[in-house]
Amino acid sequence: MRKRTGNMLLAALLVLSLAGCGGLRYSQVDPESKYFHPRRIGVLPVDVGTYEEARGNVDQTLAGVLIERKWFADVVSGDTIARQFSANEELRKVVMDYMAKLKTVNFSDPQQSKKIGELTQVDALLMVNVDDWNYAVENGEKVAKVGMGMKLIDVTTGKIMWKAGHVVIEKYRVFKPKLPDVARDLVKEMIEHMPH
């Protein structure tokens, strides 16, 4: 009797633990991230790709969610860094070169990331790209779909401490959910998994 009760309890705990495992579509954490605790984080202007209407919305959402978390002494938003680009040619060039190298050969250049950190006065960079930002019909159901990829970079070493990708899909019948609201839910869910 005691063994049977113990097995049932174990089975119930297993079911409950699996029910809570939603997780991200993709998440990879560097083992050294447990020693990485940046005080100031900078959010590079979001790469919106073909989803131009996401520009501004995602930048503001990211900064807002990071500030709400209170994990960092300071959050430098994508808008602030974009203004710094226009005022500082050296910063604009080093960021463009860094991002081009990261996208084309998947190499986070430590010298360039360190220079970006010095020029923006941050310890970490958060790079974000928008993969989906639309309304669609999938399997006969109307959906609002927002997808993003994120990379957290230690500016002193150039190491990518965390990278993740995820999509949030909200079904609807009559009233379309606002894509910025769906994006906020997505950002909150992804940031929850980010080392800090």
N, C-alpha and C. Protein backbone atom coordinates (compact mmCIF):
# COMPACT_ATOMS: atom_id res chain seq x y z
N MET A 1 0.82 -1.19 0.00
CA MET A 1 0.00 0.00 0.00
C MET A 1 0.86 1.25 0.00
N ARG A 2 1.87 1.27 0.86
CA ARG A 2 2.75 2.42 0.97
C ARG A 2 3.53 2.64 -0.33
N LYS A 3 3.98 1.52 -0.94
CA LYS A 3 4.73 1.59 -2.19
C LYS A 3 3.84 2.15 -3.31
N ARG A 4 2.59 1.69 -3.35
CA ARG A 4 1.65 2.14 -4.37
C ARG A 4 1.36 3.65 -4.23
N THR A 5 1.16 4.11 -3.00
CA THR A 5 0.93 5.53 -2.75
C THR A 5 2.15 6.35 -3.16
N GLY A 6 3.33 5.84 -2.85
CA GLY A 6 4.57 6.53 -3.25
C GLY A 6 4.70 6.62 -4.76
N ASN A 7 4.36 5.55 -5.46
CA ASN A 7 4.43 5.55 -6.93
C ASN A 7 3.42 6.52 -7.54
N MET A 8 2.21 6.56 -6.94
CA MET A 8 1.19 7.49 -7.44
C MET A 8 1.62 8.94 -7.21
N LEU A 9 2.22 9.20 -6.06
CA LEU A 9 2.70 10.54 -5.76
C LEU A 9 3.82 10.93 -6.72
N LEU A 10 4.73 10.01 -6.98
CA LEU A 10 5.82 10.27 -7.91
C LEU A 10 5.28 10.54 -9.32
N ALA A 11 4.30 9.76 -9.74
CA ALA A 11 3.69 9.95 -11.06
C ALA A 11 3.00 11.32 -11.15
N ALA A 12 2.30 11.71 -10.09
CA ALA A 12 1.63 13.01 -10.07
C ALA A 12 2.64 14.15 -10.15
N LEU A 13 3.74 14.04 -9.42
CA LEU A 13 4.78 15.07 -9.47
C LEU A 13 5.41 15.16 -10.85
N LEU A 14 5.61 14.01 -11.50
CA LEU A 14 6.17 13.99 -12.84
C LEU A 14 5.26 14.69 -13.82
N VAL A 15 3.96 14.40 -13.74
CA VAL A 15 2.98 15.05 -14.63
C VAL A 15 2.96 16.55 -14.39
N LEU A 16 2.96 16.97 -13.13
CA LEU A 16 2.95 18.40 -12.82
C LEU A 16 4.22 19.09 -13.30
N SER A 17 5.36 18.44 -13.15
CA SER A 17 6.61 19.07 -13.59
C SER A 17 6.66 19.18 -15.10
N LEU A 18 6.15 18.19 -15.82
CA LEU A 18 6.13 18.26 -17.28
C LEU A 18 5.13 19.29 -17.78
N ALA A 19 4.04 19.47 -17.06
CA ALA A 19 3.04 20.46 -17.47
C ALA A 19 3.60 21.86 -17.41
N GLY A 20 4.54 22.13 -16.53
CA GLY A 20 5.12 23.46 -16.41
C GLY A 20 6.25 23.73 -17.38
N CYS A 21 6.62 22.75 -18.20
CA CYS A 21 7.76 22.89 -19.10
C CYS A 21 7.31 23.36 -20.47
N GLY A 22 6.98 24.63 -20.59
CA GLY A 22 6.66 25.17 -21.90
C GLY A 22 7.94 25.43 -22.66
N GLY A 23 8.76 26.29 -22.11
CA GLY A 23 10.08 26.56 -22.66
C GLY A 23 10.04 27.32 -23.96
N LEU A 24 11.22 27.67 -24.41
CA LEU A 24 11.39 28.39 -25.66
C LEU A 24 11.62 27.39 -26.79
N ARG A 25 11.38 27.86 -28.00
CA ARG A 25 11.62 27.01 -29.17
C ARG A 25 13.08 26.63 -29.24
N TYR A 26 13.96 27.60 -28.90
CA TYR A 26 15.39 27.36 -28.92
C TYR A 26 16.05 28.24 -27.87
N SER A 27 16.94 27.68 -27.08
CA SER A 27 17.68 28.45 -26.09
C SER A 27 19.00 27.75 -25.81
N GLN A 28 20.08 28.52 -25.90
CA GLN A 28 21.41 27.97 -25.63
C GLN A 28 22.15 28.93 -24.69
N VAL A 29 22.61 28.40 -23.57
CA VAL A 29 23.29 29.20 -22.56
C VAL A 29 24.74 28.75 -22.46
N ASP A 30 25.67 29.70 -22.50
CA ASP A 30 27.08 29.38 -22.32
C ASP A 30 27.31 28.98 -20.86
N PRO A 31 28.08 27.92 -20.61
CA PRO A 31 28.31 27.49 -19.23
C PRO A 31 28.92 28.59 -18.34
N GLU A 32 29.68 29.51 -18.93
CA GLU A 32 30.29 30.59 -18.15
C GLU A 32 29.30 31.70 -17.78
N SER A 33 28.07 31.60 -18.27
CA SER A 33 27.09 32.66 -17.99
C SER A 33 26.75 32.75 -16.52
N LYS A 34 26.99 31.68 -15.76
CA LYS A 34 26.70 31.74 -14.32
C LYS A 34 27.63 32.72 -13.60
N TYR A 35 28.75 33.08 -14.24
CA TYR A 35 29.68 34.06 -13.68
C TYR A 35 29.51 35.44 -14.30
N PHE A 36 28.57 35.57 -15.22
CA PHE A 36 28.38 36.81 -15.98
C PHE A 36 27.20 37.58 -15.39
N HIS A 37 27.50 38.71 -14.75
CA HIS A 37 26.47 39.53 -14.12
C HIS A 37 26.68 41.00 -14.50
N PRO A 38 26.28 41.37 -15.73
CA PRO A 38 26.48 42.76 -16.17
C PRO A 38 25.65 43.75 -15.37
N ARG A 39 26.22 44.93 -15.16
CA ARG A 39 25.49 46.00 -14.45
C ARG A 39 24.71 46.86 -15.44
N ARG A 40 25.31 47.11 -16.62
CA ARG A 40 24.66 47.94 -17.63
C ARG A 40 24.50 47.13 -18.91
N ILE A 41 23.30 47.13 -19.45
CA ILE A 41 23.03 46.39 -20.68
C ILE A 41 22.56 47.37 -21.75
N GLY A 42 23.06 47.17 -22.95
CA GLY A 42 22.64 47.99 -24.09
C GLY A 42 21.87 47.14 -25.09
N VAL A 43 20.75 47.64 -25.53
CA VAL A 43 19.95 46.94 -26.53
C VAL A 43 20.25 47.60 -27.88
N LEU A 44 20.87 46.83 -28.78
CA LEU A 44 21.13 47.38 -30.11
C LEU A 44 19.81 47.57 -30.84
N PRO A 45 19.73 48.56 -31.74
CA PRO A 45 18.48 48.74 -32.49
C PRO A 45 18.06 47.41 -33.13
N VAL A 46 16.81 47.08 -33.00
CA VAL A 46 16.28 45.79 -33.43
C VAL A 46 16.35 45.66 -34.94
N ASP A 47 16.78 44.48 -35.40
CA ASP A 47 16.77 44.15 -36.82
C ASP A 47 15.37 43.62 -37.13
N VAL A 48 14.57 44.45 -37.79
CA VAL A 48 13.17 44.08 -38.04
C VAL A 48 13.01 43.35 -39.37
N GLY A 49 14.06 43.25 -40.16
CA GLY A 49 13.97 42.57 -41.45
C GLY A 49 12.91 43.21 -42.32
N THR A 50 11.97 42.41 -42.80
CA THR A 50 10.91 42.91 -43.68
C THR A 50 9.70 43.45 -42.91
N TYR A 51 9.75 43.38 -41.58
CA TYR A 51 8.61 43.78 -40.76
C TYR A 51 8.81 45.20 -40.21
N GLU A 52 8.83 46.17 -41.09
CA GLU A 52 9.13 47.56 -40.73
C GLU A 52 8.19 48.10 -39.66
N GLU A 53 6.93 47.65 -39.65
CA GLU A 53 5.97 48.15 -38.65
C GLU A 53 6.33 47.72 -37.23
N ALA A 54 7.26 46.76 -37.09
CA ALA A 54 7.70 46.33 -35.75
C ALA A 54 8.73 47.30 -35.16
N ARG A 55 9.39 48.09 -36.03
CA ARG A 55 10.41 49.02 -35.55
C ARG A 55 9.82 49.99 -34.53
N GLY A 56 10.53 50.28 -33.51
CA GLY A 56 10.04 51.17 -32.46
C GLY A 56 9.27 50.40 -31.41
N ASN A 57 8.26 49.63 -31.85
CA ASN A 57 7.47 48.83 -30.91
C ASN A 57 8.36 47.87 -30.12
N VAL A 58 9.18 47.12 -30.83
CA VAL A 58 10.01 46.10 -30.18
C VAL A 58 11.09 46.77 -29.34
N ASP A 59 11.71 47.84 -29.86
CA ASP A 59 12.74 48.56 -29.08
C ASP A 59 12.19 49.02 -27.73
N GLN A 60 11.01 49.65 -27.76
CA GLN A 60 10.40 50.14 -26.52
C GLN A 60 10.01 49.00 -25.58
N THR A 61 9.47 47.93 -26.16
CA THR A 61 9.05 46.78 -25.34
C THR A 61 10.25 46.15 -24.65
N LEU A 62 11.33 45.94 -25.39
CA LEU A 62 12.53 45.34 -24.80
C LEU A 62 13.04 46.16 -23.63
N ALA A 63 13.22 47.45 -23.86
CA ALA A 63 13.73 48.31 -22.80
C ALA A 63 12.79 48.30 -21.60
N GLY A 64 11.48 48.38 -21.85
CA GLY A 64 10.51 48.39 -20.76
C GLY A 64 10.55 47.12 -19.93
N VAL A 65 10.61 45.96 -20.58
CA VAL A 65 10.63 44.69 -19.85
C VAL A 65 11.94 44.56 -19.07
N LEU A 66 13.07 44.94 -19.66
CA LEU A 66 14.35 44.86 -18.94
C LEU A 66 14.36 45.77 -17.72
N ILE A 67 13.80 46.96 -17.86
CA ILE A 67 13.74 47.90 -16.72
C ILE A 67 12.83 47.34 -15.63
N GLU A 68 11.68 46.77 -16.02
CA GLU A 68 10.75 46.18 -15.04
C GLU A 68 11.41 45.07 -14.23
N ARG A 69 12.28 44.30 -14.85
CA ARG A 69 12.93 43.17 -14.18
C ARG A 69 13.88 43.63 -13.07
N LYS A 70 14.43 44.82 -13.20
CA LYS A 70 15.36 45.39 -12.21
C LYS A 70 16.60 44.51 -12.00
N TRP A 71 17.03 43.84 -13.06
CA TRP A 71 18.23 43.01 -13.00
C TRP A 71 19.49 43.83 -13.22
N PHE A 72 19.36 44.99 -13.86
CA PHE A 72 20.51 45.80 -14.25
C PHE A 72 20.42 47.19 -13.63
N ALA A 73 21.59 47.77 -13.34
CA ALA A 73 21.62 49.12 -12.80
C ALA A 73 21.14 50.13 -13.85
N ASP A 74 21.39 49.81 -15.14
CA ASP A 74 20.99 50.71 -16.21
C ASP A 74 20.71 49.91 -17.47
N VAL A 75 19.69 50.34 -18.21
CA VAL A 75 19.34 49.74 -19.49
C VAL A 75 19.42 50.85 -20.53
N VAL A 76 20.30 50.67 -21.51
CA VAL A 76 20.43 51.64 -22.60
C VAL A 76 19.59 51.10 -23.76
N SER A 77 18.51 51.80 -24.08
CA SER A 77 17.56 51.31 -25.07
C SER A 77 18.11 51.41 -26.50
N GLY A 78 17.46 50.69 -27.40
CA GLY A 78 17.82 50.74 -28.81
C GLY A 78 17.68 52.14 -29.38
N ASP A 79 16.66 52.89 -28.91
CA ASP A 79 16.47 54.28 -29.36
C ASP A 79 17.65 55.14 -28.96
N THR A 80 18.14 54.96 -27.73
CA THR A 80 19.28 55.75 -27.24
C THR A 80 20.53 55.42 -28.03
N ILE A 81 20.77 54.14 -28.28
CA ILE A 81 21.95 53.76 -29.06
C ILE A 81 21.82 54.25 -30.49
N ALA A 82 20.62 54.24 -31.06
CA ALA A 82 20.42 54.76 -32.41
C ALA A 82 20.76 56.26 -32.47
N ARG A 83 20.39 57.00 -31.42
CA ARG A 83 20.75 58.44 -31.37
C ARG A 83 22.26 58.61 -31.26
N GLN A 84 22.92 57.70 -30.50
CA GLN A 84 24.37 57.75 -30.40
C GLN A 84 25.02 57.47 -31.76
N PHE A 85 24.41 56.58 -32.56
CA PHE A 85 24.92 56.29 -33.91
C PHE A 85 25.01 57.57 -34.73
N SER A 86 23.92 58.34 -34.69
CA SER A 86 23.88 59.55 -35.53
C SER A 86 24.88 60.60 -35.07
N ALA A 87 25.25 60.58 -33.80
CA ALA A 87 26.19 61.57 -33.27
C ALA A 87 27.64 61.09 -33.29
N ASN A 88 27.86 59.78 -33.44
CA ASN A 88 29.21 59.23 -33.31
C ASN A 88 29.50 58.29 -34.48
N GLU A 89 30.25 58.77 -35.45
CA GLU A 89 30.59 57.99 -36.65
C GLU A 89 31.39 56.74 -36.29
N GLU A 90 32.29 56.84 -35.31
CA GLU A 90 33.10 55.70 -34.91
C GLU A 90 32.21 54.57 -34.37
N LEU A 91 31.24 54.91 -33.54
CA LEU A 91 30.31 53.91 -32.99
C LEU A 91 29.51 53.27 -34.11
N ARG A 92 28.98 54.08 -35.01
CA ARG A 92 28.17 53.55 -36.11
C ARG A 92 28.98 52.55 -36.93
N LYS A 93 30.23 52.90 -37.24
CA LYS A 93 31.06 52.02 -38.06
C LYS A 93 31.39 50.72 -37.34
N VAL A 94 31.79 50.81 -36.08
CA VAL A 94 32.17 49.58 -35.37
C VAL A 94 30.96 48.66 -35.16
N VAL A 95 29.79 49.22 -34.91
CA VAL A 95 28.59 48.39 -34.73
C VAL A 95 28.20 47.73 -36.05
N MET A 96 28.24 48.49 -37.14
CA MET A 96 27.88 47.92 -38.45
C MET A 96 28.86 46.80 -38.84
N ASP A 97 30.15 47.04 -38.62
CA ASP A 97 31.15 46.01 -38.93
C ASP A 97 30.95 44.77 -38.06
N TYR A 98 30.71 45.00 -36.76
CA TYR A 98 30.51 43.90 -35.83
C TYR A 98 29.30 43.05 -36.22
N MET A 99 28.18 43.72 -36.49
CA MET A 99 26.95 43.00 -36.83
C MET A 99 27.08 42.26 -38.16
N ALA A 100 27.77 42.88 -39.13
CA ALA A 100 27.97 42.22 -40.42
C ALA A 100 28.79 40.94 -40.25
N LYS A 101 29.84 41.02 -39.45
CA LYS A 101 30.68 39.85 -39.21
C LYS A 101 29.90 38.76 -38.47
N LEU A 102 29.08 39.17 -37.52
CA LEU A 102 28.30 38.20 -36.75
C LEU A 102 27.27 37.50 -37.64
N LYS A 103 26.65 38.27 -38.56
CA LYS A 103 25.63 37.67 -39.44
C LYS A 103 26.24 36.81 -40.53
N THR A 104 27.35 37.25 -41.13
CA THR A 104 27.88 36.54 -42.29
C THR A 104 28.74 35.33 -41.92
N VAL A 105 29.59 35.46 -40.91
CA VAL A 105 30.47 34.33 -40.56
C VAL A 105 30.24 33.82 -39.14
N ASN A 106 29.20 34.32 -38.48
CA ASN A 106 28.83 33.89 -37.13
C ASN A 106 30.00 34.01 -36.15
N PHE A 107 30.71 35.14 -36.26
CA PHE A 107 31.85 35.39 -35.37
C PHE A 107 31.62 36.68 -34.61
N SER A 108 31.63 36.58 -33.29
CA SER A 108 31.49 37.75 -32.43
C SER A 108 32.90 38.25 -32.13
N ASP A 109 33.30 39.29 -32.82
CA ASP A 109 34.65 39.82 -32.73
C ASP A 109 34.87 40.48 -31.37
N PRO A 110 35.81 39.95 -30.55
CA PRO A 110 36.01 40.50 -29.20
C PRO A 110 36.54 41.93 -29.19
N GLN A 111 37.37 42.29 -30.16
CA GLN A 111 37.90 43.66 -30.20
C GLN A 111 36.79 44.66 -30.53
N GLN A 112 35.96 44.29 -31.48
CA GLN A 112 34.86 45.18 -31.86
C GLN A 112 33.81 45.28 -30.74
N SER A 113 33.48 44.15 -30.10
CA SER A 113 32.48 44.21 -29.03
C SER A 113 33.01 45.02 -27.85
N LYS A 114 34.31 44.89 -27.58
CA LYS A 114 34.90 45.67 -26.49
C LYS A 114 34.82 47.17 -26.80
N LYS A 115 35.09 47.53 -28.06
CA LYS A 115 35.02 48.94 -28.48
C LYS A 115 33.58 49.46 -28.34
N ILE A 116 32.61 48.64 -28.74
CA ILE A 116 31.20 49.04 -28.60
C ILE A 116 30.87 49.27 -27.13
N GLY A 117 31.35 48.38 -26.26
CA GLY A 117 31.12 48.53 -24.82
C GLY A 117 31.71 49.81 -24.28
N GLU A 118 32.92 50.15 -24.74
CA GLU A 118 33.56 51.39 -24.29
C GLU A 118 32.80 52.61 -24.77
N LEU A 119 32.38 52.60 -26.03
CA LEU A 119 31.70 53.77 -26.60
C LEU A 119 30.29 53.96 -26.06
N THR A 120 29.62 52.87 -25.69
CA THR A 120 28.25 52.97 -25.17
C THR A 120 28.17 52.86 -23.65
N GLN A 121 29.33 52.56 -23.01
CA GLN A 121 29.40 52.43 -21.55
C GLN A 121 28.49 51.32 -21.03
N VAL A 122 28.50 50.14 -21.71
CA VAL A 122 27.71 48.99 -21.26
C VAL A 122 28.62 47.78 -21.06
N ASP A 123 28.14 46.81 -20.26
CA ASP A 123 28.86 45.57 -19.99
C ASP A 123 28.36 44.44 -20.88
N ALA A 124 27.14 44.58 -21.38
CA ALA A 124 26.54 43.52 -22.21
C ALA A 124 25.70 44.17 -23.30
N LEU A 125 25.59 43.44 -24.41
CA LEU A 125 24.73 43.87 -25.52
C LEU A 125 23.65 42.83 -25.73
N LEU A 126 22.47 43.29 -26.05
CA LEU A 126 21.39 42.41 -26.42
C LEU A 126 21.03 42.72 -27.87
N MET A 127 21.22 41.72 -28.73
CA MET A 127 20.86 41.86 -30.14
C MET A 127 19.56 41.11 -30.38
N VAL A 128 18.64 41.73 -31.10
CA VAL A 128 17.33 41.13 -31.33
C VAL A 128 16.97 41.26 -32.80
N ASN A 129 16.41 40.17 -33.33
CA ASN A 129 15.88 40.23 -34.69
C ASN A 129 14.44 39.73 -34.67
N VAL A 130 13.62 40.34 -35.51
CA VAL A 130 12.21 39.96 -35.62
C VAL A 130 12.08 38.97 -36.76
N ASP A 131 11.58 37.77 -36.45
CA ASP A 131 11.41 36.71 -37.44
C ASP A 131 9.99 36.63 -37.99
N ASP A 132 9.02 37.01 -37.17
CA ASP A 132 7.61 37.00 -37.58
C ASP A 132 6.92 38.20 -36.94
N TRP A 133 6.02 38.81 -37.69
CA TRP A 133 5.23 39.93 -37.17
C TRP A 133 4.03 40.07 -38.12
N ASN A 134 3.04 39.22 -37.93
CA ASN A 134 1.93 39.26 -38.89
C ASN A 134 0.69 38.55 -38.36
N TYR A 135 -0.36 38.72 -39.16
CA TYR A 135 -1.59 37.98 -38.96
C TYR A 135 -1.65 36.95 -40.08
N ALA A 136 -2.14 35.76 -39.76
CA ALA A 136 -2.17 34.70 -40.77
C ALA A 136 -3.34 33.77 -40.48
N VAL A 137 -3.55 32.85 -41.39
CA VAL A 137 -4.51 31.77 -41.19
C VAL A 137 -3.69 30.48 -41.24
N GLU A 138 -3.72 29.74 -40.14
CA GLU A 138 -2.99 28.48 -40.04
C GLU A 138 -3.96 27.38 -39.63
N ASN A 139 -4.00 26.33 -40.42
CA ASN A 139 -4.91 25.21 -40.16
C ASN A 139 -6.36 25.68 -40.00
N GLY A 140 -6.73 26.67 -40.81
CA GLY A 140 -8.10 27.16 -40.79
C GLY A 140 -8.42 28.13 -39.66
N GLU A 141 -7.43 28.47 -38.82
CA GLU A 141 -7.67 29.38 -37.70
C GLU A 141 -6.89 30.68 -37.91
N LYS A 142 -7.54 31.77 -37.54
CA LYS A 142 -6.88 33.07 -37.62
C LYS A 142 -5.93 33.23 -36.43
N VAL A 143 -4.70 33.70 -36.72
CA VAL A 143 -3.71 33.84 -35.66
C VAL A 143 -2.94 35.15 -35.80
N ALA A 144 -2.48 35.65 -34.65
CA ALA A 144 -1.51 36.75 -34.60
C ALA A 144 -0.20 36.08 -34.22
N LYS A 145 0.86 36.38 -34.96
CA LYS A 145 2.12 35.65 -34.81
C LYS A 145 3.29 36.62 -34.71
N VAL A 146 4.05 36.48 -33.62
CA VAL A 146 5.26 37.29 -33.44
C VAL A 146 6.39 36.34 -33.05
N GLY A 147 7.50 36.44 -33.76
CA GLY A 147 8.66 35.60 -33.47
C GLY A 147 9.92 36.45 -33.41
N MET A 148 10.84 36.08 -32.52
CA MET A 148 12.09 36.83 -32.35
C MET A 148 13.25 35.89 -32.04
N GLY A 149 14.44 36.39 -32.34
CA GLY A 149 15.68 35.75 -31.91
C GLY A 149 16.44 36.76 -31.09
N MET A 150 17.15 36.31 -30.05
CA MET A 150 17.92 37.20 -29.19
C MET A 150 19.30 36.61 -28.92
N LYS A 151 20.28 37.51 -28.78
CA LYS A 151 21.64 37.12 -28.39
C LYS A 151 22.12 38.09 -27.31
N LEU A 152 22.65 37.54 -26.22
CA LEU A 152 23.24 38.33 -25.14
C LEU A 152 24.75 38.17 -25.24
N ILE A 153 25.47 39.29 -25.36
CA ILE A 153 26.90 39.27 -25.60
C ILE A 153 27.66 39.97 -24.48
N ASP A 154 28.70 39.32 -24.00
CA ASP A 154 29.63 39.93 -23.05
C ASP A 154 30.57 40.81 -23.86
N VAL A 155 30.50 42.12 -23.68
CA VAL A 155 31.29 43.01 -24.53
C VAL A 155 32.80 42.89 -24.29
N THR A 156 33.21 42.49 -23.10
CA THR A 156 34.65 42.42 -22.83
C THR A 156 35.32 41.24 -23.54
N THR A 157 34.59 40.16 -23.76
CA THR A 157 35.16 38.97 -24.41
C THR A 157 34.59 38.71 -25.79
N GLY A 158 33.45 39.32 -26.08
CA GLY A 158 32.77 39.05 -27.34
C GLY A 158 31.99 37.75 -27.33
N LYS A 159 31.98 37.08 -26.20
CA LYS A 159 31.32 35.78 -26.09
C LYS A 159 29.80 35.94 -26.09
N ILE A 160 29.14 35.06 -26.85
CA ILE A 160 27.68 35.03 -26.83
C ILE A 160 27.29 34.17 -25.64
N MET A 161 26.77 34.81 -24.60
CA MET A 161 26.45 34.12 -23.36
C MET A 161 25.12 33.39 -23.42
N TRP A 162 24.23 33.87 -24.29
CA TRP A 162 22.91 33.26 -24.41
C TRP A 162 22.34 33.61 -25.77
N LYS A 163 21.70 32.65 -26.39
CA LYS A 163 20.94 32.94 -27.60
C LYS A 163 19.67 32.10 -27.57
N ALA A 164 18.62 32.69 -28.10
CA ALA A 164 17.32 32.03 -28.03
C ALA A 164 16.45 32.50 -29.19
N GLY A 165 15.48 31.68 -29.51
CA GLY A 165 14.49 32.02 -30.50
C GLY A 165 13.15 31.46 -30.08
N HIS A 166 12.11 32.21 -30.34
CA HIS A 166 10.78 31.75 -29.92
C HIS A 166 9.71 32.47 -30.74
N VAL A 167 8.54 31.87 -30.78
CA VAL A 167 7.38 32.44 -31.48
C VAL A 167 6.17 32.33 -30.56
N VAL A 168 5.38 33.39 -30.51
CA VAL A 168 4.11 33.34 -29.80
C VAL A 168 3.00 33.47 -30.85
N ILE A 169 2.06 32.56 -30.78
CA ILE A 169 0.92 32.55 -31.71
C ILE A 169 -0.35 32.63 -30.88
N GLU A 170 -1.13 33.68 -31.14
CA GLU A 170 -2.42 33.83 -30.44
C GLU A 170 -3.54 33.66 -31.44
N LYS A 171 -4.43 32.72 -31.14
CA LYS A 171 -5.61 32.49 -31.99
C LYS A 171 -6.67 33.53 -31.67
N TYR A 172 -7.46 33.88 -32.68
CA TYR A 172 -8.57 34.80 -32.45
C TYR A 172 -9.68 34.49 -33.44
N ARG A 173 -10.86 34.97 -33.11
CA ARG A 173 -12.01 34.77 -34.01
C ARG A 173 -12.43 36.09 -34.64
N VAL A 174 -12.72 37.08 -33.82
CA VAL A 174 -13.25 38.34 -34.33
C VAL A 174 -12.25 39.48 -34.14
N PHE A 175 -11.83 39.70 -32.90
CA PHE A 175 -10.97 40.83 -32.60
C PHE A 175 -9.50 40.42 -32.66
N LYS A 176 -8.77 41.07 -33.54
CA LYS A 176 -7.35 40.77 -33.68
C LYS A 176 -6.59 41.26 -32.45
N PRO A 177 -5.74 40.42 -31.88
CA PRO A 177 -4.87 40.92 -30.81
C PRO A 177 -3.88 41.91 -31.42
N LYS A 178 -3.50 42.91 -30.67
CA LYS A 178 -2.52 43.88 -31.17
C LYS A 178 -1.14 43.23 -31.16
N LEU A 179 -0.44 43.31 -32.28
CA LEU A 179 0.88 42.68 -32.37
C LEU A 179 1.86 43.20 -31.32
N PRO A 180 1.87 44.50 -30.97
CA PRO A 180 2.75 44.94 -29.89
C PRO A 180 2.46 44.25 -28.55
N ASP A 181 1.19 43.92 -28.29
CA ASP A 181 0.84 43.20 -27.06
C ASP A 181 1.35 41.76 -27.11
N VAL A 182 1.23 41.13 -28.27
CA VAL A 182 1.75 39.78 -28.45
C VAL A 182 3.27 39.81 -28.29
N ALA A 183 3.90 40.85 -28.85
CA ALA A 183 5.36 40.99 -28.73
C ALA A 183 5.79 41.15 -27.28
N ARG A 184 5.02 41.88 -26.51
CA ARG A 184 5.35 42.07 -25.09
C ARG A 184 5.32 40.73 -24.34
N ASP A 185 4.31 39.91 -24.63
CA ASP A 185 4.23 38.58 -24.02
C ASP A 185 5.45 37.74 -24.41
N LEU A 186 5.82 37.82 -25.67
CA LEU A 186 6.98 37.07 -26.16
C LEU A 186 8.27 37.53 -25.49
N VAL A 187 8.48 38.84 -25.44
CA VAL A 187 9.70 39.38 -24.82
C VAL A 187 9.78 38.96 -23.36
N LYS A 188 8.67 39.08 -22.63
CA LYS A 188 8.66 38.68 -21.22
C LYS A 188 9.06 37.21 -21.06
N GLU A 189 8.50 36.36 -21.91
CA GLU A 189 8.79 34.93 -21.84
C GLU A 189 10.26 34.65 -22.16
N MET A 190 10.79 35.31 -23.17
CA MET A 190 12.19 35.07 -23.54
C MET A 190 13.16 35.61 -22.51
N ILE A 191 12.92 36.83 -22.04
CA ILE A 191 13.82 37.45 -21.06
C ILE A 191 13.89 36.63 -19.78
N GLU A 192 12.82 35.95 -19.45
CA GLU A 192 12.80 35.11 -18.26
C GLU A 192 13.90 34.04 -18.29
N HIS A 193 14.33 33.64 -19.47
CA HIS A 193 15.35 32.61 -19.64
C HIS A 193 16.76 33.18 -19.79
N MET A 194 16.88 34.50 -19.85
CA MET A 194 18.16 35.14 -20.10
C MET A 194 19.01 35.21 -18.84
N PRO A 195 20.29 34.82 -18.91
CA PRO A 195 21.15 34.98 -17.74
C PRO A 195 21.33 36.46 -17.40
N HIS A 196 21.53 36.75 -16.14
CA HIS A 196 21.70 38.16 -15.72
C HIS A 196 22.58 38.26 -14.49
